[in-house]
Amino acid sequence: MSRYLGNDESVLGETDGCTFPLGNVEVGQRVVVREVRCGIFANEDGNIGLRLVELGFVAGEFLRVVAQGHPGREPIAVRVGNTTFALRRFEADHVLVALAPETDIRS
């Protein structure tokens, strides 16, 4: 079973229909973090998920994907607050997000 920092213990690729991996977000989309997964695969010890949390990828935080590299759409540039991070798709897939409500004033 995977360790996680968030609301449920779903495994990579399984979502509740409202959440999806950050790696699937299109440029310009605004999303909110629902969960950060740790130790998705058997050979992981959870360091990636914990590192992402330390950088500010925490449940309830609003994000915006600002760019994707070419080829292969890597890295992904993600804005968290006033800071932009470049994530590999593998790292981004540790973060489960949902579409952010348009009426929220936070960006």
PDB file of N, CA and C in Angstrom:
ATOM      1  N   MET A   1       0.850  -1.178   0.000  1.00  0.00           N
ATOM      2  CA  MET A   1       0.000   0.000   0.000  1.00  0.00           C
ATOM      3  C   MET A   1       0.891   1.236   0.000  1.00  0.00           C
ATOM      4  N   SER A   2       0.531   2.235  -0.748  1.00  0.00           N
ATOM      5  CA  SER A   2       1.339   3.448  -0.823  1.00  0.00           C
ATOM      6  C   SER A   2       1.109   4.325   0.400  1.00  0.00           C
ATOM      7  N   ARG A   3       2.139   5.054   0.755  1.00  0.00           N
ATOM      8  CA  ARG A   3       1.971   6.076   1.781  1.00  0.00           C
ATOM      9  C   ARG A   3       1.518   7.338   1.075  1.00  0.00           C
ATOM     10  N   TYR A   4       0.848   8.227   1.782  1.00  0.00           N
ATOM     11  CA  TYR A   4       0.331   9.423   1.128  1.00  0.00           C
ATOM     12  C   TYR A   4       0.226  10.569   2.120  1.00  0.00           C
ATOM     13  N   LEU A   5       0.104  11.763   1.577  1.00  0.00           N
ATOM     14  CA  LEU A   5      -0.143  12.954   2.377  1.00  0.00           C
ATOM     15  C   LEU A   5      -1.355  13.625   1.767  1.00  0.00           C
ATOM     16  N   GLY A   6      -2.527  13.284   2.240  1.00  0.00           N
ATOM     17  CA  GLY A   6      -3.743  13.827   1.651  1.00  0.00           C
ATOM     18  C   GLY A   6      -4.971  13.111   2.156  1.00  0.00           C
ATOM     19  N   ASN A   7      -5.959  12.972   1.276  1.00  0.00           N
ATOM     20  CA  ASN A   7      -7.273  12.513   1.703  1.00  0.00           C
ATOM     21  C   ASN A   7      -7.525  11.016   1.605  1.00  0.00           C
ATOM     22  N   ASP A   8      -6.868  10.297   0.681  1.00  0.00           N
ATOM     23  CA  ASP A   8      -7.168   8.872   0.551  1.00  0.00           C
ATOM     24  C   ASP A   8      -5.926   8.098   0.141  1.00  0.00           C
ATOM     25  N   GLU A   9      -6.070   6.770   0.028  1.00  0.00           N
ATOM     26  CA  GLU A   9      -4.936   5.922  -0.299  1.00  0.00           C
ATOM     27  C   GLU A   9      -5.055   5.327  -1.691  1.00  0.00           C
ATOM     28  N   SER A  10      -5.450   6.113  -2.664  1.00  0.00           N
ATOM     29  CA  SER A  10      -5.516   5.608  -4.033  1.00  0.00           C
ATOM     30  C   SER A  10      -4.102   5.387  -4.557  1.00  0.00           C
ATOM     31  N   VAL A  11      -3.982   4.539  -5.557  1.00  0.00           N
ATOM     32  CA  VAL A  11      -2.682   4.264  -6.145  1.00  0.00           C
ATOM     33  C   VAL A  11      -2.578   4.957  -7.488  1.00  0.00           C
ATOM     34  N   LEU A  12      -1.353   5.117  -7.979  1.00  0.00           N
ATOM     35  CA  LEU A  12      -1.118   5.848  -9.219  1.00  0.00           C
ATOM     36  C   LEU A  12      -2.003   5.325 -10.333  1.00  0.00           C
ATOM     37  N   GLY A  13      -2.680   6.245 -11.015  1.00  0.00           N
ATOM     38  CA  GLY A  13      -3.538   5.867 -12.123  1.00  0.00           C
ATOM     39  C   GLY A  13      -4.988   5.709 -11.743  1.00  0.00           C
ATOM     40  N   GLU A  14      -5.280   5.524 -10.472  1.00  0.00           N
ATOM     41  CA  GLU A  14      -6.664   5.406 -10.024  1.00  0.00           C
ATOM     42  C   GLU A  14      -7.061   6.722  -9.371  1.00  0.00           C
ATOM     43  N   THR A  15      -8.143   7.325  -9.851  1.00  0.00           N
ATOM     44  CA  THR A  15      -8.623   8.555  -9.241  1.00  0.00           C
ATOM     45  C   THR A  15     -10.109   8.427  -8.999  1.00  0.00           C
ATOM     46  N   ASP A  16     -10.661   9.373  -8.279  1.00  0.00           N
ATOM     47  CA  ASP A  16     -12.092   9.334  -7.976  1.00  0.00           C
ATOM     48  C   ASP A  16     -12.926  10.039  -9.036  1.00  0.00           C
ATOM     49  N   GLY A  17     -12.331  10.406 -10.143  1.00  0.00           N
ATOM     50  CA  GLY A  17     -13.050  11.104 -11.197  1.00  0.00           C
ATOM     51  C   GLY A  17     -12.940  12.610 -11.066  1.00  0.00           C
ATOM     52  N   CYS A  18     -12.653  13.091  -9.866  1.00  0.00           N
ATOM     53  CA  CYS A  18     -12.496  14.526  -9.643  1.00  0.00           C
ATOM     54  C   CYS A  18     -11.032  14.913  -9.509  1.00  0.00           C
ATOM     55  N   THR A  19     -10.183  13.956  -9.169  1.00  0.00           N
ATOM     56  CA  THR A  19      -8.762  14.236  -9.025  1.00  0.00           C
ATOM     57  C   THR A  19      -7.985  13.523 -10.113  1.00  0.00           C
ATOM     58  N   PHE A  20      -6.810  14.084 -10.429  1.00  0.00           N
ATOM     59  CA  PHE A  20      -5.961  13.512 -11.461  1.00  0.00           C
ATOM     60  C   PHE A  20      -4.531  13.965 -11.199  1.00  0.00           C
ATOM     61  N   PRO A  21      -3.540  13.268 -11.771  1.00  0.00           N
ATOM     62  CA  PRO A  21      -2.147  13.632 -11.542  1.00  0.00           C
ATOM     63  C   PRO A  21      -1.811  14.999 -12.142  1.00  0.00           C
ATOM     64  N   LEU A  22      -0.966  15.742 -11.465  1.00  0.00           N
ATOM     65  CA  LEU A  22      -0.510  17.042 -11.948  1.00  0.00           C
ATOM     66  C   LEU A  22       0.124  16.934 -13.331  1.00  0.00           C
ATOM     67  N   GLY A  23       0.720  15.800 -13.640  1.00  0.00           N
ATOM     68  CA  GLY A  23       1.331  15.597 -14.951  1.00  0.00           C
ATOM     69  C   GLY A  23       0.343  15.635 -16.101  1.00  0.00           C
ATOM     70  N   ASN A  24      -0.955  15.523 -15.820  1.00  0.00           N
ATOM     71  CA  ASN A  24      -1.991  15.561 -16.862  1.00  0.00           C
ATOM     72  C   ASN A  24      -2.569  16.951 -17.085  1.00  0.00           C
ATOM     73  N   VAL A  25      -2.140  17.930 -16.317  1.00  0.00           N
ATOM     74  CA  VAL A  25      -2.696  19.282 -16.404  1.00  0.00           C
ATOM     75  C   VAL A  25      -2.114  20.006 -17.617  1.00  0.00           C
ATOM     76  N   GLU A  26      -2.971  20.713 -18.336  1.00  0.00           N
ATOM     77  CA  GLU A  26      -2.558  21.473 -19.514  1.00  0.00           C
ATOM     78  C   GLU A  26      -2.008  22.840 -19.100  1.00  0.00           C
ATOM     79  N   VAL A  27      -1.173  23.417 -19.955  1.00  0.00           N
ATOM     80  CA  VAL A  27      -0.611  24.744 -19.711  1.00  0.00           C
ATOM     81  C   VAL A  27      -1.747  25.751 -19.536  1.00  0.00           C
ATOM     82  N   GLY A  28      -1.645  26.567 -18.499  1.00  0.00           N
ATOM     83  CA  GLY A  28      -2.633  27.596 -18.219  1.00  0.00           C
ATOM     84  C   GLY A  28      -3.729  27.161 -17.269  1.00  0.00           C
ATOM     85  N   GLN A  29      -3.881  25.856 -17.056  1.00  0.00           N
ATOM     86  CA  GLN A  29      -4.934  25.380 -16.151  1.00  0.00           C
ATOM     87  C   GLN A  29      -4.575  25.676 -14.710  1.00  0.00           C
ATOM     88  N   ARG A  30      -5.565  26.055 -13.939  1.00  0.00           N
ATOM     89  CA  ARG A  30      -5.420  26.321 -12.512  1.00  0.00           C
ATOM     90  C   ARG A  30      -6.060  25.172 -11.752  1.00  0.00           C
ATOM     91  N   VAL A  31      -5.294  24.614 -10.812  1.00  0.00           N
ATOM     92  CA  VAL A  31      -5.750  23.448 -10.059  1.00  0.00           C
ATOM     93  C   VAL A  31      -5.452  23.642  -8.580  1.00  0.00           C
ATOM     94  N   VAL A  32      -6.049  22.784  -7.768  1.00  0.00           N
ATOM     95  CA  VAL A  32      -5.790  22.790  -6.331  1.00  0.00           C
ATOM     96  C   VAL A  32      -5.292  21.402  -5.933  1.00  0.00           C
ATOM     97  N   VAL A  33      -4.269  21.366  -5.082  1.00  0.00           N
ATOM     98  CA  VAL A  33      -3.699  20.097  -4.623  1.00  0.00           C
ATOM     99  C   VAL A  33      -4.688  19.403  -3.700  1.00  0.00           C
ATOM    100  N   ARG A  34      -4.918  18.112  -3.948  1.00  0.00           N
ATOM    101  CA  ARG A  34      -5.769  17.300  -3.085  1.00  0.00           C
ATOM    102  C   ARG A  34      -4.947  16.314  -2.257  1.00  0.00           C
ATOM    103  N   GLU A  35      -3.805  15.873  -2.814  1.00  0.00           N
ATOM    104  CA  GLU A  35      -3.027  14.815  -2.153  1.00  0.00           C
ATOM    105  C   GLU A  35      -1.632  14.772  -2.761  1.00  0.00           C
ATOM    106  N   VAL A  36      -0.634  14.447  -1.937  1.00  0.00           N
ATOM    107  CA  VAL A  36       0.719  14.182  -2.419  1.00  0.00           C
ATOM    108  C   VAL A  36       1.055  12.764  -2.001  1.00  0.00           C
ATOM    109  N   ARG A  37       1.423  11.953  -2.973  1.00  0.00           N
ATOM    110  CA  ARG A  37       1.694  10.534  -2.707  1.00  0.00           C
ATOM    111  C   ARG A  37       3.171  10.308  -2.417  1.00  0.00           C
ATOM    112  N   CYS A  38       3.421   9.412  -1.496  1.00  0.00           N
ATOM    113  CA  CYS A  38       4.784   9.017  -1.152  1.00  0.00           C
ATOM    114  C   CYS A  38       4.928   7.520  -1.365  1.00  0.00           C
ATOM    115  N   GLY A  39       6.035   7.101  -1.952  1.00  0.00           N
ATOM    116  CA  GLY A  39       6.303   5.683  -2.116  1.00  0.00           C
ATOM    117  C   GLY A  39       5.318   4.980  -3.019  1.00  0.00           C
ATOM    118  N   ILE A  40       5.039   5.552  -4.197  1.00  0.00           N
ATOM    119  CA  ILE A  40       4.075   4.960  -5.124  1.00  0.00           C
ATOM    120  C   ILE A  40       4.541   3.593  -5.613  1.00  0.00           C
ATOM    121  N   PHE A  41       5.821   3.474  -5.893  1.00  0.00           N
ATOM    122  CA  PHE A  41       6.356   2.228  -6.428  1.00  0.00           C
ATOM    123  C   PHE A  41       7.180   1.521  -5.360  1.00  0.00           C
ATOM    124  N   ALA A  42       7.324   0.208  -5.498  1.00  0.00           N
ATOM    125  CA  ALA A  42       7.988  -0.613  -4.484  1.00  0.00           C
ATOM    126  C   ALA A  42       9.424  -0.169  -4.211  1.00  0.00           C
ATOM    127  N   ASN A  43      10.124   0.383  -5.212  1.00  0.00           N
ATOM    128  CA  ASN A  43      11.526   0.752  -5.029  1.00  0.00           C
ATOM    129  C   ASN A  43      11.695   2.168  -4.479  1.00  0.00           C
ATOM    130  N   GLU A  44      10.629   2.819  -4.088  1.00  0.00           N
ATOM    131  CA  GLU A  44      10.707   4.173  -3.559  1.00  0.00           C
ATOM    132  C   GLU A  44      10.583   4.161  -2.045  1.00  0.00           C
ATOM    133  N   ASP A  45      11.195   5.153  -1.427  1.00  0.00           N
ATOM    134  CA  ASP A  45      11.053   5.277   0.022  1.00  0.00           C
ATOM    135  C   ASP A  45      10.229   6.494   0.420  1.00  0.00           C
ATOM    136  N   GLY A  46       9.629   7.175  -0.532  1.00  0.00           N
ATOM    137  CA  GLY A  46       8.769   8.305  -0.222  1.00  0.00           C
ATOM    138  C   GLY A  46       9.445   9.655  -0.263  1.00  0.00           C
ATOM    139  N   ASN A  47      10.741   9.689  -0.585  1.00  0.00           N
ATOM    140  CA  ASN A  47      11.463  10.953  -0.568  1.00  0.00           C
ATOM    141  C   ASN A  47      10.923  11.975  -1.562  1.00  0.00           C
ATOM    142  N   ILE A  48      10.460  11.553  -2.720  1.00  0.00           N
ATOM    143  CA  ILE A  48       9.957  12.504  -3.713  1.00  0.00           C
ATOM    144  C   ILE A  48       8.722  13.216  -3.182  1.00  0.00           C
ATOM    145  N   GLY A  49       7.768  12.468  -2.661  1.00  0.00           N
ATOM    146  CA  GLY A  49       6.562  13.081  -2.114  1.00  0.00           C
ATOM    147  C   GLY A  49       6.867  14.021  -0.962  1.00  0.00           C
ATOM    148  N   LEU A  50       7.745  13.620  -0.076  1.00  0.00           N
ATOM    149  CA  LEU A  50       8.107  14.478   1.051  1.00  0.00           C
ATOM    150  C   LEU A  50       8.807  15.742   0.576  1.00  0.00           C
ATOM    151  N   ARG A  51       9.675  15.614  -0.427  1.00  0.00           N
ATOM    152  CA  ARG A  51      10.359  16.785  -0.983  1.00  0.00           C
ATOM    153  C   ARG A  51       9.356  17.761  -1.584  1.00  0.00           C
ATOM    154  N   LEU A  52       8.363  17.233  -2.301  1.00  0.00           N
ATOM    155  CA  LEU A  52       7.344  18.090  -2.903  1.00  0.00           C
ATOM    156  C   LEU A  52       6.552  18.840  -1.833  1.00  0.00           C
ATOM    157  N   VAL A  53       6.222  18.162  -0.744  1.00  0.00           N
ATOM    158  CA  VAL A  53       5.514  18.818   0.358  1.00  0.00           C
ATOM    159  C   VAL A  53       6.377  19.934   0.943  1.00  0.00           C
ATOM    160  N   GLU A  54       7.664  19.669   1.126  1.00  0.00           N
ATOM    161  CA  GLU A  54       8.568  20.687   1.661  1.00  0.00           C
ATOM    162  C   GLU A  54       8.664  21.902   0.746  1.00  0.00           C
ATOM    163  N   LEU A  55       8.476  21.707  -0.557  1.00  0.00           N
ATOM    164  CA  LEU A  55       8.524  22.811  -1.521  1.00  0.00           C
ATOM    165  C   LEU A  55       7.216  23.598  -1.576  1.00  0.00           C
ATOM    166  N   GLY A  56       6.155  23.093  -0.949  1.00  0.00           N
ATOM    167  CA  GLY A  56       4.892  23.819  -0.931  1.00  0.00           C
ATOM    168  C   GLY A  56       3.742  23.148  -1.643  1.00  0.00           C
ATOM    169  N   PHE A  57       3.944  21.949  -2.158  1.00  0.00           N
ATOM    170  CA  PHE A  57       2.869  21.194  -2.808  1.00  0.00           C
ATOM    171  C   PHE A  57       2.067  20.483  -1.718  1.00  0.00           C
ATOM    172  N   VAL A  58       1.187  21.217  -1.058  1.00  0.00           N
ATOM    173  CA  VAL A  58       0.408  20.677   0.058  1.00  0.00           C
ATOM    174  C   VAL A  58      -1.078  20.752  -0.261  1.00  0.00           C
ATOM    175  N   ALA A  59      -1.860  19.882   0.362  1.00  0.00           N
ATOM    176  CA  ALA A  59      -3.306  19.854   0.128  1.00  0.00           C
ATOM    177  C   ALA A  59      -3.905  21.232   0.372  1.00  0.00           C
ATOM    178  N   GLY A  60      -4.715  21.683  -0.595  1.00  0.00           N
ATOM    179  CA  GLY A  60      -5.361  22.982  -0.502  1.00  0.00           C
ATOM    180  C   GLY A  60      -4.636  24.100  -1.227  1.00  0.00           C
ATOM    181  N   GLU A  61      -3.382  23.871  -1.623  1.00  0.00           N
ATOM    182  CA  GLU A  61      -2.597  24.901  -2.317  1.00  0.00           C
ATOM    183  C   GLU A  61      -3.023  24.990  -3.777  1.00  0.00           C
ATOM    184  N   PHE A  62      -3.116  26.211  -4.291  1.00  0.00           N
ATOM    185  CA  PHE A  62      -3.479  26.422  -5.689  1.00  0.00           C
ATOM    186  C   PHE A  62      -2.226  26.462  -6.547  1.00  0.00           C
ATOM    187  N   LEU A  63      -2.288  25.817  -7.718  1.00  0.00           N
ATOM    188  CA  LEU A  63      -1.162  25.732  -8.650  1.00  0.00           C
ATOM    189  C   LEU A  63      -1.621  26.140 -10.037  1.00  0.00           C
ATOM    190  N   ARG A  64      -0.644  26.530 -10.852  1.00  0.00           N
ATOM    191  CA  ARG A  64      -0.921  26.770 -12.269  1.00  0.00           C
ATOM    192  C   ARG A  64       0.259  26.225 -13.067  1.00  0.00           C
ATOM    193  N   VAL A  65      -0.035  25.421 -14.087  1.00  0.00           N
ATOM    194  CA  VAL A  65       1.009  24.948 -14.994  1.00  0.00           C
ATOM    195  C   VAL A  65       1.273  26.084 -15.972  1.00  0.00           C
ATOM    196  N   VAL A  66       2.510  26.581 -16.007  1.00  0.00           N
ATOM    197  CA  VAL A  66       2.822  27.743 -16.839  1.00  0.00           C
ATOM    198  C   VAL A  66       3.556  27.386 -18.124  1.00  0.00           C
ATOM    199  N   ALA A  67       4.164  26.203 -18.188  1.00  0.00           N
ATOM    200  CA  ALA A  67       4.863  25.798 -19.414  1.00  0.00           C
ATOM    201  C   ALA A  67       5.180  24.314 -19.358  1.00  0.00           C
ATOM    202  N   GLN A  68       5.388  23.747 -20.549  1.00  0.00           N
ATOM    203  CA  GLN A  68       5.861  22.366 -20.665  1.00  0.00           C
ATOM    204  C   GLN A  68       6.965  22.346 -21.705  1.00  0.00           C
ATOM    205  N   GLY A  69       8.015  21.576 -21.427  1.00  0.00           N
ATOM    206  CA  GLY A  69       9.134  21.492 -22.348  1.00  0.00           C
ATOM    207  C   GLY A  69       8.823  20.636 -23.562  1.00  0.00           C
ATOM    208  N   HIS A  70       9.748  20.684 -24.501  1.00  0.00           N
ATOM    209  CA  HIS A  70       9.635  19.876 -25.721  1.00  0.00           C
ATOM    210  C   HIS A  70      10.941  19.135 -25.898  1.00  0.00           C
ATOM    211  N   PRO A  71      11.013  17.954 -26.362  1.00  0.00           N
ATOM    212  CA  PRO A  71       9.900  17.051 -26.671  1.00  0.00           C
ATOM    213  C   PRO A  71       9.432  16.337 -25.413  1.00  0.00           C
ATOM    214  N   GLY A  72       8.341  15.666 -25.515  1.00  0.00           N
ATOM    215  CA  GLY A  72       7.819  14.849 -24.420  1.00  0.00           C
ATOM    216  C   GLY A  72       7.156  15.623 -23.297  1.00  0.00           C
ATOM    217  N   ARG A  73       6.949  16.920 -23.467  1.00  0.00           N
ATOM    218  CA  ARG A  73       6.287  17.762 -22.468  1.00  0.00           C
ATOM    219  C   ARG A  73       6.992  17.744 -21.117  1.00  0.00           C
ATOM    220  N   GLU A  74       8.320  17.592 -21.120  1.00  0.00           N
ATOM    221  CA  GLU A  74       9.093  17.638 -19.882  1.00  0.00           C
ATOM    222  C   GLU A  74      10.197  18.656 -20.026  1.00  0.00           C
ATOM    223  N   PRO A  75      10.562  19.360 -18.971  1.00  0.00           N
ATOM    224  CA  PRO A  75       9.916  19.387 -17.665  1.00  0.00           C
ATOM    225  C   PRO A  75       8.622  20.193 -17.709  1.00  0.00           C
ATOM    226  N   ILE A  76       7.901  20.158 -16.604  1.00  0.00           N
ATOM    227  CA  ILE A  76       6.661  20.909 -16.444  1.00  0.00           C
ATOM    228  C   ILE A  76       6.968  22.071 -15.500  1.00  0.00           C
ATOM    229  N   ALA A  77       6.675  23.300 -15.908  1.00  0.00           N
ATOM    230  CA  ALA A  77       6.861  24.467 -15.040  1.00  0.00           C
ATOM    231  C   ALA A  77       5.554  24.722 -14.303  1.00  0.00           C
ATOM    232  N   VAL A  78       5.623  24.681 -12.976  1.00  0.00           N
ATOM    233  CA  VAL A  78       4.433  24.821 -12.134  1.00  0.00           C
ATOM    234  C   VAL A  78       4.636  25.997 -11.182  1.00  0.00           C
ATOM    235  N   ARG A  79       3.670  26.903 -11.151  1.00  0.00           N
ATOM    236  CA  ARG A  79       3.722  28.039 -10.229  1.00  0.00           C
ATOM    237  C   ARG A  79       2.952  27.692  -8.962  1.00  0.00           C
ATOM    238  N   VAL A  80       3.663  27.824  -7.834  1.00  0.00           N
ATOM    239  CA  VAL A  80       3.087  27.633  -6.501  1.00  0.00           C
ATOM    240  C   VAL A  80       3.282  28.960  -5.776  1.00  0.00           C
ATOM    241  N   GLY A  81       2.209  29.689  -5.557  1.00  0.00           N
ATOM    242  CA  GLY A  81       2.343  31.019  -4.960  1.00  0.00           C
ATOM    243  C   GLY A  81       3.121  31.921  -5.900  1.00  0.00           C
ATOM    244  N   ASN A  82       4.233  32.480  -5.419  1.00  0.00           N
ATOM    245  CA  ASN A  82       5.074  33.360  -6.236  1.00  0.00           C
ATOM    246  C   ASN A  82       6.301  32.657  -6.782  1.00  0.00           C
ATOM    247  N   THR A  83       6.373  31.349  -6.648  1.00  0.00           N
ATOM    248  CA  THR A  83       7.546  30.581  -7.059  1.00  0.00           C
ATOM    249  C   THR A  83       7.179  29.614  -8.171  1.00  0.00           C
ATOM    250  N   THR A  84       8.092  29.455  -9.129  1.00  0.00           N
ATOM    251  CA  THR A  84       7.886  28.501 -10.218  1.00  0.00           C
ATOM    252  C   THR A  84       8.903  27.376 -10.085  1.00  0.00           C
ATOM    253  N   PHE A  85       8.412  26.142 -10.163  1.00  0.00           N
ATOM    254  CA  PHE A  85       9.256  24.958 -10.074  1.00  0.00           C
ATOM    255  C   PHE A  85       9.202  24.196 -11.382  1.00  0.00           C
ATOM    256  N   ALA A  86      10.319  23.590 -11.768  1.00  0.00           N
ATOM    257  CA  ALA A  86      10.358  22.686 -12.918  1.00  0.00           C
ATOM    258  C   ALA A  86      10.341  21.263 -12.376  1.00  0.00           C
ATOM    259  N   LEU A  87       9.329  20.491 -12.775  1.00  0.00           N
ATOM    260  CA  LEU A  87       9.184  19.111 -12.318  1.00  0.00           C
ATOM    261  C   LEU A  87       9.248  18.153 -13.491  1.00  0.00           C
ATOM    262  N   ARG A  88       9.870  17.015 -13.273  1.00  0.00           N
ATOM    263  CA  ARG A  88       9.762  15.932 -14.246  1.00  0.00           C
ATOM    264  C   ARG A  88       8.351  15.366 -14.142  1.00  0.00           C
ATOM    265  N   ARG A  89       7.876  14.803 -15.207  1.00  0.00           N
ATOM    266  CA  ARG A  89       6.520  14.239 -15.211  1.00  0.00           C
ATOM    267  C   ARG A  89       6.389  13.187 -14.096  1.00  0.00           C
ATOM    268  N   PHE A  90       7.426  12.400 -13.884  1.00  0.00           N
ATOM    269  CA  PHE A  90       7.419  11.391 -12.823  1.00  0.00           C
ATOM    270  C   PHE A  90       7.166  12.040 -11.459  1.00  0.00           C
ATOM    271  N   GLU A  91       7.802  13.187 -11.212  1.00  0.00           N
ATOM    272  CA  GLU A  91       7.595  13.893  -9.947  1.00  0.00           C
ATOM    273  C   GLU A  91       6.189  14.484  -9.876  1.00  0.00           C
ATOM    274  N   ALA A  92       5.755  15.094 -10.976  1.00  0.00           N
ATOM    275  CA  ALA A  92       4.429  15.722 -11.018  1.00  0.00           C
ATOM    276  C   ALA A  92       3.322  14.703 -10.767  1.00  0.00           C
ATOM    277  N   ASP A  93       3.523  13.475 -11.184  1.00  0.00           N
ATOM    278  CA  ASP A  93       2.495  12.449 -11.005  1.00  0.00           C
ATOM    279  C   ASP A  93       2.326  12.018  -9.545  1.00  0.00           C
ATOM    280  N   HIS A  94       3.195  12.471  -8.657  1.00  0.00           N
ATOM    281  CA  HIS A  94       3.025  12.232  -7.223  1.00  0.00           C
ATOM    282  C   HIS A  94       1.989  13.178  -6.613  1.00  0.00           C
ATOM    283  N   VAL A  95       1.618  14.220  -7.354  1.00  0.00           N
ATOM    284  CA  VAL A  95       0.687  15.235  -6.848  1.00  0.00           C
ATOM    285  C   VAL A  95      -0.671  15.040  -7.510  1.00  0.00           C
ATOM    286  N   LEU A  96      -1.695  14.746  -6.715  1.00  0.00           N
ATOM    287  CA  LEU A  96      -3.061  14.644  -7.237  1.00  0.00           C
ATOM    288  C   LEU A  96      -3.743  15.989  -7.064  1.00  0.00           C
ATOM    289  N   VAL A  97      -4.405  16.442  -8.117  1.00  0.00           N
ATOM    290  CA  VAL A  97      -5.034  17.760  -8.117  1.00  0.00           C
ATOM    291  C   VAL A  97      -6.472  17.668  -8.604  1.00  0.00           C
ATOM    292  N   ALA A  98      -7.211  18.739  -8.399  1.00  0.00           N
ATOM    293  CA  ALA A  98      -8.563  18.898  -8.938  1.00  0.00           C
ATOM    294  C   ALA A  98      -8.629  20.281  -9.567  1.00  0.00           C
ATOM    295  N   LEU A  99      -9.540  20.462 -10.510  1.00  0.00           N
ATOM    296  CA  LEU A  99      -9.713  21.776 -11.109  1.00  0.00           C
ATOM    297  C   LEU A  99     -10.097  22.773 -10.027  1.00  0.00           C
ATOM    298  N   ALA A 100      -9.487  23.949 -10.076  1.00  0.00           N
ATOM    299  CA  ALA A 100      -9.774  24.985  -9.085  1.00  0.00           C
ATOM    300  C   ALA A 100     -11.042  25.728  -9.463  1.00  0.00           C
ATOM    301  N   PRO A 101     -11.824  26.109  -8.481  1.00  0.00           N
ATOM    302  CA  PRO A 101     -13.016  26.908  -8.786  1.00  0.00           C
ATOM    303  C   PRO A 101     -12.603  28.255  -9.355  1.00  0.00           C
ATOM    304  N   GLU A 102     -13.304  28.717 -10.366  1.00  0.00           N
ATOM    305  CA  GLU A 102     -12.972  29.978 -11.026  1.00  0.00           C
ATOM    306  C   GLU A 102     -13.258  31.188 -10.152  1.00  0.00           C
ATOM    307  N   THR A 103     -14.107  31.045  -9.154  1.00  0.00           N
ATOM    308  CA  THR A 103     -14.498  32.179  -8.327  1.00  0.00           C
ATOM    309  C   THR A 103     -13.514  32.477  -7.208  1.00  0.00           C
ATOM    310  N   ASP A 104     -12.576  31.571  -6.942  1.00  0.00           N
ATOM    311  CA  ASP A 104     -11.605  31.792  -5.879  1.00  0.00           C
ATOM    312  C   ASP A 104     -10.649  32.895  -6.300  1.00  0.00           C
ATOM    313  N   ILE A 105     -10.302  33.819  -5.416  1.00  0.00           N
ATOM    314  CA  ILE A 105      -9.463  34.952  -5.787  1.00  0.00           C
ATOM    315  C   ILE A 105      -7.977  34.633  -5.727  1.00  0.00           C
ATOM    316  N   ARG A 106      -7.586  33.524  -5.104  1.00  0.00           N
ATOM    317  CA  ARG A 106      -6.169  33.160  -5.040  1.00  0.00           C
ATOM    318  C   ARG A 106      -5.710  32.656  -6.390  1.00  0.00           C
ATOM    319  N   SER A 107      -4.459  32.949  -6.756  1.00  0.00           N
ATOM    320  CA  SER A 107      -3.914  32.465  -8.033  1.00  0.00           C
ATOM    321  C   SER A 107      -2.728  31.615  -7.782  1.00  0.00           C
TER     322      SER A 107
END
